PDB file of N, CA and C in Angstrom:
ATOM      1  N   MET A   1     -66.454 -39.185 -56.800  1.00  0.00           N
ATOM      2  CA  MET A   1     -66.221 -37.918 -57.427  1.00  0.00           C
ATOM      3  C   MET A   1     -66.794 -36.779 -56.579  1.00  0.00           C
ATOM      4  N   THR A   2     -67.990 -36.950 -56.046  1.00  0.00           N
ATOM      5  CA  THR A   2     -68.602 -35.942 -55.197  1.00  0.00           C
ATOM      6  C   THR A   2     -67.758 -35.728 -53.949  1.00  0.00           C
ATOM      7  N   VAL A   3     -67.215 -36.801 -53.407  1.00  0.00           N
ATOM      8  CA  VAL A   3     -66.382 -36.702 -52.209  1.00  0.00           C
ATOM      9  C   VAL A   3     -65.109 -35.917 -52.533  1.00  0.00           C
ATOM     10  N   THR A   4     -64.530 -36.176 -53.660  1.00  0.00           N
ATOM     11  CA  THR A   4     -63.313 -35.481 -54.073  1.00  0.00           C
ATOM     12  C   THR A   4     -63.578 -33.984 -54.247  1.00  0.00           C
ATOM     13  N   ILE A   5     -64.722 -33.637 -54.827  1.00  0.00           N
ATOM     14  CA  ILE A   5     -65.083 -32.225 -55.027  1.00  0.00           C
ATOM     15  C   ILE A   5     -65.294 -31.551 -53.673  1.00  0.00           C
ATOM     16  N   ARG A   6     -65.963 -32.259 -52.728  1.00  0.00           N
ATOM     17  CA  ARG A   6     -66.196 -31.687 -51.398  1.00  0.00           C
ATOM     18  C   ARG A   6     -64.876 -31.475 -50.664  1.00  0.00           C
ATOM     19  N   GLU A   7     -63.971 -32.422 -50.760  1.00  0.00           N
ATOM     20  CA  GLU A   7     -62.661 -32.273 -50.124  1.00  0.00           C
ATOM     21  C   GLU A   7     -61.896 -31.093 -50.739  1.00  0.00           C
ATOM     22  N   GLU A   8     -61.980 -30.997 -52.055  1.00  0.00           N
ATOM     23  CA  GLU A   8     -61.327 -29.885 -52.764  1.00  0.00           C
ATOM     24  C   GLU A   8     -61.917 -28.554 -52.322  1.00  0.00           C
ATOM     25  N   LEU A   9     -63.244 -28.473 -52.223  1.00  0.00           N
ATOM     26  CA  LEU A   9     -63.916 -27.248 -51.773  1.00  0.00           C
ATOM     27  C   LEU A   9     -63.508 -26.907 -50.339  1.00  0.00           C
ATOM     28  N   GLY A  10     -63.412 -27.892 -49.487  1.00  0.00           N
ATOM     29  CA  GLY A  10     -62.994 -27.668 -48.098  1.00  0.00           C
ATOM     30  C   GLY A  10     -61.577 -27.117 -48.039  1.00  0.00           C
ATOM     31  N   THR A  11     -60.698 -27.662 -48.848  1.00  0.00           N
ATOM     32  CA  THR A  11     -59.309 -27.195 -48.893  1.00  0.00           C
ATOM     33  C   THR A  11     -59.247 -25.751 -49.395  1.00  0.00           C
ATOM     34  N   VAL A  12     -59.997 -25.456 -50.444  1.00  0.00           N
ATOM     35  CA  VAL A  12     -60.025 -24.100 -51.005  1.00  0.00           C
ATOM     36  C   VAL A  12     -60.620 -23.131 -49.986  1.00  0.00           C
ATOM     37  N   ARG A  13     -61.678 -23.561 -49.294  1.00  0.00           N
ATOM     38  CA  ARG A  13     -62.323 -22.711 -48.292  1.00  0.00           C
ATOM     39  C   ARG A  13     -61.358 -22.391 -47.148  1.00  0.00           C
ATOM     40  N   ARG A  14     -60.609 -23.381 -46.661  1.00  0.00           N
ATOM     41  CA  ARG A  14     -59.635 -23.149 -45.593  1.00  0.00           C
ATOM     42  C   ARG A  14     -58.519 -22.212 -46.056  1.00  0.00           C
ATOM     43  N   ALA A  15     -58.041 -22.419 -47.254  1.00  0.00           N
ATOM     44  CA  ALA A  15     -56.986 -21.552 -47.801  1.00  0.00           C
ATOM     45  C   ALA A  15     -57.512 -20.119 -47.938  1.00  0.00           C
ATOM     46  N   PHE A  16     -58.755 -19.994 -48.410  1.00  0.00           N
ATOM     47  CA  PHE A  16     -59.365 -18.678 -48.566  1.00  0.00           C
ATOM     48  C   PHE A  16     -59.521 -18.001 -47.205  1.00  0.00           C
ATOM     49  N   THR A  17     -60.000 -18.744 -46.218  1.00  0.00           N
ATOM     50  CA  THR A  17     -60.184 -18.205 -44.872  1.00  0.00           C
ATOM     51  C   THR A  17     -58.839 -17.768 -44.291  1.00  0.00           C
ATOM     52  N   THR A  18     -57.810 -18.562 -44.495  1.00  0.00           N
ATOM     53  CA  THR A  18     -56.470 -18.216 -44.022  1.00  0.00           C
ATOM     54  C   THR A  18     -55.993 -16.915 -44.669  1.00  0.00           C
ATOM     55  N   GLU A  19     -56.231 -16.783 -45.966  1.00  0.00           N
ATOM     56  CA  GLU A  19     -55.847 -15.555 -46.682  1.00  0.00           C
ATOM     57  C   GLU A  19     -56.627 -14.350 -46.169  1.00  0.00           C
ATOM     58  N   VAL A  20     -57.921 -14.532 -45.916  1.00  0.00           N
ATOM     59  CA  VAL A  20     -58.756 -13.439 -45.412  1.00  0.00           C
ATOM     60  C   VAL A  20     -58.248 -12.986 -44.044  1.00  0.00           C
ATOM     61  N   VAL A  21     -57.942 -13.931 -43.173  1.00  0.00           N
ATOM     62  CA  VAL A  21     -57.431 -13.597 -41.843  1.00  0.00           C
ATOM     63  C   VAL A  21     -56.102 -12.847 -41.967  1.00  0.00           C
ATOM     64  N   ALA A  22     -55.217 -13.317 -42.827  1.00  0.00           N
ATOM     65  CA  ALA A  22     -53.920 -12.656 -43.018  1.00  0.00           C
ATOM     66  C   ALA A  22     -54.115 -11.238 -43.559  1.00  0.00           C
ATOM     67  N   LEU A  23     -55.036 -11.075 -44.505  1.00  0.00           N
ATOM     68  CA  LEU A  23     -55.309  -9.746 -45.055  1.00  0.00           C
ATOM     69  C   LEU A  23     -55.892  -8.813 -44.001  1.00  0.00           C
ATOM     70  N   ARG A  24     -56.781  -9.338 -43.166  1.00  0.00           N
ATOM     71  CA  ARG A  24     -57.357  -8.505 -42.098  1.00  0.00           C
ATOM     72  C   ARG A  24     -56.278  -8.046 -41.125  1.00  0.00           C
ATOM     73  N   GLU A  25     -55.356  -8.933 -40.784  1.00  0.00           N
ATOM     74  CA  GLU A  25     -54.254  -8.556 -39.898  1.00  0.00           C
ATOM     75  C   GLU A  25     -53.372  -7.494 -40.560  1.00  0.00           C
ATOM     76  N   GLU A  26     -53.106  -7.681 -41.836  1.00  0.00           N
ATOM     77  CA  GLU A  26     -52.286  -6.716 -42.569  1.00  0.00           C
ATOM     78  C   GLU A  26     -52.984  -5.355 -42.649  1.00  0.00           C
ATOM     79  N   ILE A  27     -54.289  -5.371 -42.866  1.00  0.00           N
ATOM     80  CA  ILE A  27     -55.066  -4.125 -42.896  1.00  0.00           C
ATOM     81  C   ILE A  27     -54.991  -3.436 -41.537  1.00  0.00           C
ATOM     82  N   GLY A  28     -55.084  -4.206 -40.465  1.00  0.00           N
ATOM     83  CA  GLY A  28     -54.971  -3.632 -39.120  1.00  0.00           C
ATOM     84  C   GLY A  28     -53.621  -2.971 -38.901  1.00  0.00           C
ATOM     85  N   VAL A  29     -52.557  -3.637 -39.341  1.00  0.00           N
ATOM     86  CA  VAL A  29     -51.209  -3.072 -39.214  1.00  0.00           C
ATOM     87  C   VAL A  29     -51.105  -1.786 -40.030  1.00  0.00           C
ATOM     88  N   LEU A  30     -51.620  -1.812 -41.250  1.00  0.00           N
ATOM     89  CA  LEU A  30     -51.571  -0.619 -42.103  1.00  0.00           C
ATOM     90  C   LEU A  30     -52.374   0.530 -41.498  1.00  0.00           C
ATOM     91  N   ARG A  31     -53.523   0.221 -40.916  1.00  0.00           N
ATOM     92  CA  ARG A  31     -54.328   1.266 -40.268  1.00  0.00           C
ATOM     93  C   ARG A  31     -53.555   1.916 -39.123  1.00  0.00           C
ATOM     94  N   ARG A  32     -52.908   1.085 -38.307  1.00  0.00           N
ATOM     95  CA  ARG A  32     -52.114   1.629 -37.202  1.00  0.00           C
ATOM     96  C   ARG A  32     -50.964   2.486 -37.731  1.00  0.00           C
ATOM     97  N   ASP A  33     -50.298   1.996 -38.777  1.00  0.00           N
ATOM     98  CA  ASP A  33     -49.193   2.765 -39.365  1.00  0.00           C
ATOM     99  C   ASP A  33     -49.684   4.101 -39.915  1.00  0.00           C
ATOM    100  N   ILE A  34     -50.805   4.064 -40.623  1.00  0.00           N
ATOM    101  CA  ILE A  34     -51.359   5.292 -41.200  1.00  0.00           C
ATOM    102  C   ILE A  34     -51.776   6.247 -40.092  1.00  0.00           C
ATOM    103  N   THR A  35     -52.417   5.719 -39.060  1.00  0.00           N
ATOM    104  CA  THR A  35     -52.835   6.565 -37.941  1.00  0.00           C
ATOM    105  C   THR A  35     -51.623   7.220 -37.284  1.00  0.00           C
ATOM    106  N   THR A  36     -50.564   6.445 -37.096  1.00  0.00           N
ATOM    107  CA  THR A  36     -49.337   6.983 -36.512  1.00  0.00           C
ATOM    108  C   THR A  36     -48.762   8.087 -37.398  1.00  0.00           C
ATOM    109  N   GLU A  37     -48.719   7.845 -38.704  1.00  0.00           N
ATOM    110  CA  GLU A  37     -48.192   8.847 -39.639  1.00  0.00           C
ATOM    111  C   GLU A  37     -49.052  10.106 -39.639  1.00  0.00           C
ATOM    112  N   VAL A  38     -50.370   9.943 -39.572  1.00  0.00           N
ATOM    113  CA  VAL A  38     -51.270  11.100 -39.546  1.00  0.00           C
ATOM    114  C   VAL A  38     -51.020  11.931 -38.291  1.00  0.00           C
ATOM    115  N   VAL A  39     -50.846  11.268 -37.161  1.00  0.00           N
ATOM    116  CA  VAL A  39     -50.576  11.984 -35.909  1.00  0.00           C
ATOM    117  C   VAL A  39     -49.251  12.745 -36.013  1.00  0.00           C
ATOM    118  N   VAL A  40     -48.230  12.104 -36.558  1.00  0.00           N
ATOM    119  CA  VAL A  40     -46.927  12.757 -36.724  1.00  0.00           C
ATOM    120  C   VAL A  40     -47.059  13.962 -37.656  1.00  0.00           C
ATOM    121  N   LEU A  41     -47.779  13.786 -38.773  1.00  0.00           N
ATOM    122  CA  LEU A  41     -47.963  14.897 -39.715  1.00  0.00           C
ATOM    123  C   LEU A  41     -48.740  16.046 -39.082  1.00  0.00           C
ATOM    124  N   ARG A  42     -49.757  15.726 -38.291  1.00  0.00           N
ATOM    125  CA  ARG A  42     -50.510  16.784 -37.606  1.00  0.00           C
ATOM    126  C   ARG A  42     -49.609  17.564 -36.653  1.00  0.00           C
ATOM    127  N   ASP A  43     -48.752  16.840 -35.935  1.00  0.00           N
ATOM    128  CA  ASP A  43     -47.809  17.510 -35.036  1.00  0.00           C
ATOM    129  C   ASP A  43     -46.866  18.423 -35.821  1.00  0.00           C
ATOM    130  N   GLU A  44     -46.347  17.911 -36.943  1.00  0.00           N
ATOM    131  CA  GLU A  44     -45.437  18.710 -37.767  1.00  0.00           C
ATOM    132  C   GLU A  44     -46.147  19.928 -38.340  1.00  0.00           C
ATOM    133  N   ILE A  45     -47.390  19.766 -38.755  1.00  0.00           N
ATOM    134  CA  ILE A  45     -48.170  20.896 -39.271  1.00  0.00           C
ATOM    135  C   ILE A  45     -48.361  21.934 -38.171  1.00  0.00           C
ATOM    136  N   GLY A  46     -48.637  21.478 -36.958  1.00  0.00           N
ATOM    137  CA  GLY A  46     -48.780  22.401 -35.831  1.00  0.00           C
ATOM    138  C   GLY A  46     -47.504  23.188 -35.579  1.00  0.00           C
ATOM    139  N   VAL A  47     -46.369  22.504 -35.639  1.00  0.00           N
ATOM    140  CA  VAL A  47     -45.081  23.176 -35.447  1.00  0.00           C
ATOM    141  C   VAL A  47     -44.860  24.197 -36.557  1.00  0.00           C
ATOM    142  N   LEU A  48     -45.147  23.806 -37.801  1.00  0.00           N
ATOM    143  CA  LEU A  48     -44.970  24.733 -38.924  1.00  0.00           C
ATOM    144  C   LEU A  48     -45.887  25.940 -38.799  1.00  0.00           C
ATOM    145  N   ARG A  49     -47.115  25.724 -38.349  1.00  0.00           N
ATOM    146  CA  ARG A  49     -48.038  26.849 -38.168  1.00  0.00           C
ATOM    147  C   ARG A  49     -47.533  27.806 -37.092  1.00  0.00           C
ATOM    148  N   ARG A  50     -47.029  27.250 -35.991  1.00  0.00           N
ATOM    149  CA  ARG A  50     -46.478  28.108 -34.937  1.00  0.00           C
ATOM    150  C   ARG A  50     -45.271  28.885 -35.459  1.00  0.00           C
ATOM    151  N   ASP A  51     -44.393  28.184 -36.193  1.00  0.00           N
ATOM    152  CA  ASP A  51     -43.215  28.849 -36.753  1.00  0.00           C
ATOM    153  C   ASP A  51     -43.617  29.932 -37.745  1.00  0.00           C
ATOM    154  N   LEU A  52     -44.640  29.664 -38.543  1.00  0.00           N
ATOM    155  CA  LEU A  52     -45.121  30.658 -39.499  1.00  0.00           C
ATOM    156  C   LEU A  52     -45.684  31.868 -38.764  1.00  0.00           C
ATOM    157  N   GLY A  53     -46.386  31.633 -37.677  1.00  0.00           N
ATOM    158  CA  GLY A  53     -46.902  32.738 -36.867  1.00  0.00           C
ATOM    159  C   GLY A  53     -45.777  33.577 -36.291  1.00  0.00           C
ATOM    160  N   LYS A  54     -44.729  32.908 -35.786  1.00  0.00           N
ATOM    161  CA  LYS A  54     -43.571  33.629 -35.255  1.00  0.00           C
ATOM    162  C   LYS A  54     -42.885  34.430 -36.356  1.00  0.00           C
ATOM    163  N   LEU A  55     -42.738  33.812 -37.537  1.00  0.00           N
ATOM    164  CA  LEU A  55     -42.107  34.499 -38.659  1.00  0.00           C
ATOM    165  C   LEU A  55     -42.917  35.723 -39.064  1.00  0.00           C
ATOM    166  N   HIS A  56     -44.225  35.568 -39.109  1.00  0.00           N
ATOM    167  CA  HIS A  56     -45.097  36.694 -39.458  1.00  0.00           C
ATOM    168  C   HIS A  56     -44.920  37.832 -38.451  1.00  0.00           C
ATOM    169  N   THR A  57     -44.873  37.473 -37.175  1.00  0.00           N
ATOM    170  CA  THR A  57     -44.681  38.479 -36.128  1.00  0.00           C
ATOM    171  C   THR A  57     -43.339  39.191 -36.301  1.00  0.00           C
ATOM    172  N   GLU A  58     -42.291  38.432 -36.606  1.00  0.00           N
ATOM    173  CA  GLU A  58     -40.974  39.031 -36.814  1.00  0.00           C
ATOM    174  C   GLU A  58     -40.969  39.954 -38.025  1.00  0.00           C
ATOM    175  N   VAL A  59     -41.617  39.526 -39.118  1.00  0.00           N
ATOM    176  CA  VAL A  59     -41.672  40.359 -40.324  1.00  0.00           C
ATOM    177  C   VAL A  59     -42.391  41.665 -40.027  1.00  0.00           C
ATOM    178  N   VAL A  60     -43.511  41.575 -39.315  1.00  0.00           N
ATOM    179  CA  VAL A  60     -44.255  42.787 -38.958  1.00  0.00           C
ATOM    180  C   VAL A  60     -43.386  43.701 -38.099  1.00  0.00           C
ATOM    181  N   ALA A  61     -42.653  43.127 -37.158  1.00  0.00           N
ATOM    182  CA  ALA A  61     -41.780  43.930 -36.296  1.00  0.00           C
ATOM    183  C   ALA A  61     -40.678  44.602 -37.109  1.00  0.00           C
ATOM    184  N   HIS A  62     -40.076  43.851 -38.032  1.00  0.00           N
ATOM    185  CA  HIS A  62     -39.017  44.433 -38.862  1.00  0.00           C
ATOM    186  C   HIS A  62     -39.569  45.517 -39.777  1.00  0.00           C
ATOM    187  N   ARG A  63     -40.751  45.296 -40.319  1.00  0.00           N
ATOM    188  CA  ARG A  63     -41.360  46.330 -41.157  1.00  0.00           C
ATOM    189  C   ARG A  63     -41.621  47.580 -40.333  1.00  0.00           C
ATOM    190  N   GLY A  64     -42.074  47.392 -39.108  1.00  0.00           N
ATOM    191  CA  GLY A  64     -42.306  48.528 -38.224  1.00  0.00           C
ATOM    192  C   GLY A  64     -41.014  49.255 -37.906  1.00  0.00           C
ATOM    193  N   ASP A  65     -39.935  48.489 -37.689  1.00  0.00           N
ATOM    194  CA  ASP A  65     -38.634  49.105 -37.427  1.00  0.00           C
ATOM    195  C   ASP A  65     -38.171  49.918 -38.627  1.00  0.00           C
ATOM    196  N   LEU A  66     -38.320  49.362 -39.812  1.00  0.00           N
ATOM    197  CA  LEU A  66     -37.871  50.045 -41.020  1.00  0.00           C
ATOM    198  C   LEU A  66     -38.776  51.207 -41.390  1.00  0.00           C
ATOM    199  N   ALA A  67     -40.043  51.134 -41.048  1.00  0.00           N
ATOM    200  CA  ALA A  67     -40.977  52.200 -41.411  1.00  0.00           C
ATOM    201  C   ALA A  67     -40.602  53.512 -40.743  1.00  0.00           C
ATOM    202  N   GLY A  68     -39.953  53.451 -39.610  1.00  0.00           N
ATOM    203  CA  GLY A  68     -39.549  54.658 -38.908  1.00  0.00           C
ATOM    204  C   GLY A  68     -38.311  55.316 -39.490  1.00  0.00           C
ATOM    205  N   PHE A  69     -37.609  54.655 -40.395  1.00  0.00           N
ATOM    206  CA  PHE A  69     -36.366  55.179 -40.956  1.00  0.00           C
ATOM    207  C   PHE A  69     -36.402  55.140 -42.472  1.00  0.00           C
ATOM    208  N   GLN A  70     -37.184  56.003 -43.090  1.00  0.00           N
ATOM    209  CA  GLN A  70     -37.273  56.051 -44.544  1.00  0.00           C
ATOM    210  C   GLN A  70     -36.653  57.343 -45.050  1.00  0.00           C
ATOM    211  N   VAL A  71     -35.708  57.220 -45.973  1.00  0.00           N
ATOM    212  CA  VAL A  71     -35.031  58.374 -46.549  1.00  0.00           C
ATOM    213  C   VAL A  71     -35.880  58.895 -47.699  1.00  0.00           C
ATOM    214  N   PRO A  72     -36.237  60.181 -47.684  1.00  0.00           N
ATOM    215  CA  PRO A  72     -37.066  60.722 -48.756  1.00  0.00           C
ATOM    216  C   PRO A  72     -36.300  60.771 -50.070  1.00  0.00           C
ATOM    217  N   GLU A  73     -37.002  60.537 -51.156  1.00  0.00           N
ATOM    218  CA  GLU A  73     -36.391  60.622 -52.480  1.00  0.00           C
ATOM    219  C   GLU A  73     -36.331  62.087 -52.897  1.00  0.00           C
ATOM    220  N   PRO A  74     -35.229  62.508 -53.547  1.00  0.00           N
ATOM    221  CA  PRO A  74     -35.152  63.886 -54.024  1.00  0.00           C
ATOM    222  C   PRO A  74     -36.293  64.169 -54.996  1.00  0.00           C
ATOM    223  N   GLY A  75     -36.849  65.365 -54.884  1.00  0.00           N
ATOM    224  CA  GLY A  75     -37.930  65.741 -55.785  1.00  0.00           C
ATOM    225  C   GLY A  75     -39.303  65.413 -55.257  1.00  0.00           C
ATOM    226  N   ARG A  76     -39.373  64.704 -54.134  1.00  0.00           N
ATOM    227  CA  ARG A  76     -40.672  64.427 -53.526  1.00  0.00           C
ATOM    228  C   ARG A  76     -41.255  65.718 -52.995  1.00  0.00           C
ATOM    229  N   GLU A  77     -42.525  65.750 -52.851  1.00  0.00           N
ATOM    230  CA  GLU A  77     -43.193  66.942 -52.344  1.00  0.00           C
ATOM    231  C   GLU A  77     -42.635  67.302 -50.970  1.00  0.00           C
ATOM    232  N   GLY A  78     -42.215  68.551 -50.812  1.00  0.00           N
ATOM    233  CA  GLY A  78     -41.707  69.014 -49.527  1.00  0.00           C
ATOM    234  C   GLY A  78     -40.242  68.714 -49.298  1.00  0.00           C
ATOM    235  N   GLU A  79     -39.550  68.145 -50.275  1.00  0.00           N
ATOM    236  CA  GLU A  79     -38.137  67.808 -50.108  1.00  0.00           C
ATOM    237  C   GLU A  79     -37.290  68.662 -51.036  1.00  0.00           C
ATOM    238  N   GLU A  80     -36.078  68.954 -50.597  1.00  0.00           N
ATOM    239  CA  GLU A  80     -35.145  69.656 -51.459  1.00  0.00           C
ATOM    240  C   GLU A  80     -34.577  68.672 -52.463  1.00  0.00           C
ATOM    241  N   VAL A  81     -34.442  69.112 -53.696  1.00  0.00           N
ATOM    242  CA  VAL A  81     -33.914  68.233 -54.735  1.00  0.00           C
ATOM    243  C   VAL A  81     -32.457  67.900 -54.459  1.00  0.00           C
ATOM    244  N   GLY A  82     -31.735  68.779 -53.864  1.00  0.00           N
ATOM    245  CA  GLY A  82     -30.311  68.555 -53.637  1.00  0.00           C
ATOM    246  C   GLY A  82     -29.980  67.923 -52.299  1.00  0.00           C
ATOM    247  N   SER A  83     -30.953  67.403 -51.557  1.00  0.00           N
ATOM    248  CA  SER A  83     -30.654  66.840 -50.238  1.00  0.00           C
ATOM    249  C   SER A  83     -29.738  65.635 -50.385  1.00  0.00           C
ATOM    250  N   GLU A  84     -28.797  65.524 -49.445  1.00  0.00           N
ATOM    251  CA  GLU A  84     -27.808  64.459 -49.542  1.00  0.00           C
ATOM    252  C   GLU A  84     -28.187  63.290 -48.645  1.00  0.00           C
ATOM    253  N   VAL A  85     -28.071  62.097 -49.206  1.00  0.00           N
ATOM    254  CA  VAL A  85     -28.320  60.866 -48.464  1.00  0.00           C
ATOM    255  C   VAL A  85     -27.127  59.966 -48.727  1.00  0.00           C
ATOM    256  N   SER A  86     -26.613  59.312 -47.690  1.00  0.00           N
ATOM    257  CA  SER A  86     -25.430  58.474 -47.875  1.00  0.00           C
ATOM    258  C   SER A  86     -25.734  57.309 -48.809  1.00  0.00           C
ATOM    259  N   GLU A  87     -24.691  56.863 -49.492  1.00  0.00           N
ATOM    260  CA  GLU A  87     -24.824  55.742 -50.431  1.00  0.00           C
ATOM    261  C   GLU A  87     -25.244  54.476 -49.684  1.00  0.00           C
ATOM    262  N   GLU A  88     -24.727  54.301 -48.449  1.00  0.00           N
ATOM    263  CA  GLU A  88     -25.090  53.125 -47.659  1.00  0.00           C
ATOM    264  C   GLU A  88     -26.584  53.100 -47.379  1.00  0.00           C
ATOM    265  N   ALA A  89     -27.135  54.271 -47.082  1.00  0.00           N
ATOM    266  CA  ALA A  89     -28.568  54.340 -46.786  1.00  0.00           C
ATOM    267  C   ALA A  89     -29.384  54.028 -48.025  1.00  0.00           C
ATOM    268  N   ARG A  90     -28.941  54.553 -49.177  1.00  0.00           N
ATOM    269  CA  ARG A  90     -29.669  54.268 -50.422  1.00  0.00           C
ATOM    270  C   ARG A  90     -29.628  52.785 -50.747  1.00  0.00           C
ATOM    271  N   MET A  91     -28.444  52.163 -50.602  1.00  0.00           N
ATOM    272  CA  MET A  91     -28.298  50.747 -50.931  1.00  0.00           C
ATOM    273  C   MET A  91     -29.106  49.883 -49.974  1.00  0.00           C
ATOM    274  N   ALA A  92     -29.202  50.291 -48.721  1.00  0.00           N
ATOM    275  CA  ALA A  92     -29.957  49.516 -47.735  1.00  0.00           C
ATOM    276  C   ALA A  92     -31.445  49.742 -47.874  1.00  0.00           C
ATOM    277  N   GLY A  93     -31.836  50.751 -48.663  1.00  0.00           N
ATOM    278  CA  GLY A  93     -33.256  51.037 -48.830  1.00  0.00           C
ATOM    279  C   GLY A  93     -33.858  51.704 -47.614  1.00  0.00           C
ATOM    280  N   VAL A  94     -33.017  52.374 -46.819  1.00  0.00           N
ATOM    281  CA  VAL A  94     -33.495  53.018 -45.602  1.00  0.00           C
ATOM    282  C   VAL A  94     -34.094  54.364 -45.965  1.00  0.00           C
ATOM    283  N   GLU A  95     -35.289  54.626 -45.474  1.00  0.00           N
ATOM    284  CA  GLU A  95     -35.941  55.905 -45.708  1.00  0.00           C
ATOM    285  C   GLU A  95     -36.262  56.540 -44.361  1.00  0.00           C
ATOM    286  N   VAL A  96     -36.077  57.864 -44.265  1.00  0.00           N
ATOM    287  CA  VAL A  96     -36.339  58.571 -43.016  1.00  0.00           C
ATOM    288  C   VAL A  96     -37.451  59.575 -43.265  1.00  0.00           C
ATOM    289  N   PRO A  97     -38.639  59.359 -42.702  1.00  0.00           N
ATOM    290  CA  PRO A  97     -39.714  60.325 -42.893  1.00  0.00           C
ATOM    291  C   PRO A  97     -39.456  61.577 -42.064  1.00  0.00           C
ATOM    292  N   LYS A  98     -40.126  62.670 -42.427  1.00  0.00           N
ATOM    293  CA  LYS A  98     -39.932  63.942 -41.723  1.00  0.00           C
ATOM    294  C   LYS A  98     -40.301  63.823 -40.247  1.00  0.00           C
ATOM    295  N   GLU A  99     -41.270  62.961 -39.918  1.00  0.00           N
ATOM    296  CA  GLU A  99     -41.718  62.838 -38.532  1.00  0.00           C
ATOM    297  C   GLU A  99     -40.602  62.350 -37.624  1.00  0.00           C
ATOM    298  N   VAL A 100     -39.680  61.562 -38.152  1.00  0.00           N
ATOM    299  CA  VAL A 100     -38.604  61.009 -37.335  1.00  0.00           C
ATOM    300  C   VAL A 100     -37.620  62.105 -36.965  1.00  0.00           C
ATOM    301  N   GLY A 101     -37.380  63.018 -37.867  1.00  0.00           N
ATOM    302  CA  GLY A 101     -36.444  64.102 -37.600  1.00  0.00           C
ATOM    303  C   GLY A 101     -35.030  63.701 -37.931  1.00  0.00           C
ATOM    304  N   MET A 102     -34.147  64.663 -37.861  1.00  0.00           N
ATOM    305  CA  MET A 102     -32.769  64.418 -38.246  1.00  0.00           C
ATOM    306  C   MET A 102     -32.029  63.552 -37.240  1.00  0.00           C
ATOM    307  N   ALA A 103     -32.405  63.589 -35.965  1.00  0.00           N
ATOM    308  CA  ALA A 103     -31.738  62.742 -34.970  1.00  0.00           C
ATOM    309  C   ALA A 103     -31.946  61.282 -35.319  1.00  0.00           C
ATOM    310  N   GLY A 104     -33.139  60.937 -35.776  1.00  0.00           N
ATOM    311  CA  GLY A 104     -33.407  59.555 -36.169  1.00  0.00           C
ATOM    312  C   GLY A 104     -32.568  59.149 -37.360  1.00  0.00           C
ATOM    313  N   ALA A 105     -32.313  60.077 -38.279  1.00  0.00           N
ATOM    314  CA  ALA A 105     -31.503  59.771 -39.454  1.00  0.00           C
ATOM    315  C   ALA A 105     -30.064  59.512 -39.055  1.00  0.00           C
ATOM    316  N   GLU A 106     -29.537  60.308 -38.109  1.00  0.00           N
ATOM    317  CA  GLU A 106     -28.157  60.131 -37.680  1.00  0.00           C
ATOM    318  C   GLU A 106     -27.960  58.782 -37.004  1.00  0.00           C
ATOM    319  N   GLU A 107     -28.984  58.300 -36.305  1.00  0.00           N
ATOM    320  CA  GLU A 107     -28.870  57.024 -35.600  1.00  0.00           C
ATOM    321  C   GLU A 107     -28.663  55.868 -36.561  1.00  0.00           C
ATOM    322  N   VAL A 108     -29.202  55.964 -37.777  1.00  0.00           N
ATOM    323  CA  VAL A 108     -29.046  54.876 -38.731  1.00  0.00           C
ATOM    324  C   VAL A 108     -27.910  55.130 -39.700  1.00  0.00           C
ATOM    325  N   GLY A 109     -27.113  56.184 -39.476  1.00  0.00           N
ATOM    326  CA  GLY A 109     -25.937  56.420 -40.297  1.00  0.00           C
ATOM    327  C   GLY A 109     -26.210  57.236 -41.545  1.00  0.00           C
ATOM    328  N   VAL A 110     -27.307  57.955 -41.596  1.00  0.00           N
ATOM    329  CA  VAL A 110     -27.617  58.785 -42.747  1.00  0.00           C
ATOM    330  C   VAL A 110     -26.979  60.144 -42.535  1.00  0.00           C
ATOM    331  N   GLU A 111     -26.254  60.618 -43.559  1.00  0.00           N
ATOM    332  CA  GLU A 111     -25.628  61.930 -43.460  1.00  0.00           C
ATOM    333  C   GLU A 111     -26.710  62.994 -43.510  1.00  0.00           C
ATOM    334  N   VAL A 112     -26.682  63.889 -42.557  1.00  0.00           N
ATOM    335  CA  VAL A 112     -27.695  64.932 -42.469  1.00  0.00           C
ATOM    336  C   VAL A 112     -27.086  66.240 -42.955  1.00  0.00           C
ATOM    337  N   PRO A 113     -27.667  66.854 -44.016  1.00  0.00           N
ATOM    338  CA  PRO A 113     -27.116  68.121 -44.502  1.00  0.00           C
ATOM    339  C   PRO A 113     -27.395  69.232 -43.494  1.00  0.00           C
ATOM    340  N   GLU A 114     -26.428  70.150 -43.361  1.00  0.00           N
ATOM    341  CA  GLU A 114     -26.621  71.280 -42.457  1.00  0.00           C
ATOM    342  C   GLU A 114     -27.532  72.286 -43.124  1.00  0.00           C
ATOM    343  N   GLU A 115     -28.489  72.774 -42.358  1.00  0.00           N
ATOM    344  CA  GLU A 115     -29.422  73.755 -42.901  1.00  0.00           C
ATOM    345  C   GLU A 115     -28.780  75.136 -42.854  1.00  0.00           C
ATOM    346  N   VAL A 116     -28.958  75.865 -43.943  1.00  0.00           N
ATOM    347  CA  VAL A 116     -28.424  77.225 -44.006  1.00  0.00           C
ATOM    348  C   VAL A 116     -29.525  78.141 -43.535  1.00  0.00           C
ATOM    349  N   GLY A 117     -29.298  78.880 -42.461  1.00  0.00           N
ATOM    350  CA  GLY A 117     -30.342  79.646 -41.829  1.00  0.00           C
ATOM    351  C   GLY A 117     -30.360  81.023 -42.237  1.00  0.00           C
TER     352      GLY A 117
END
């Protein structure tokens, strides 16, 4: 009976050792896979960050472009209430500040009223 128990224990121990070795190999494979995925994700994050930086730069540039062409709203301080602005300019949200002058307004297609002198 003792011999049978020892043989049984030896068989269980070998099976357990085989399972442990297989699990360790599987863990190694999973670690490599995870490491590979982490590297790929880091690369993708880097690309997204660069793209976001480029997008931010473009947005700032477009805002700067639009800031130079703002059409004043009628009734604003220093503006004539009856000043005419084309419908296209209003729909596009284009504004022309006084600093730009009327030449700047004509460049973006804003109708410039003739001043009566």
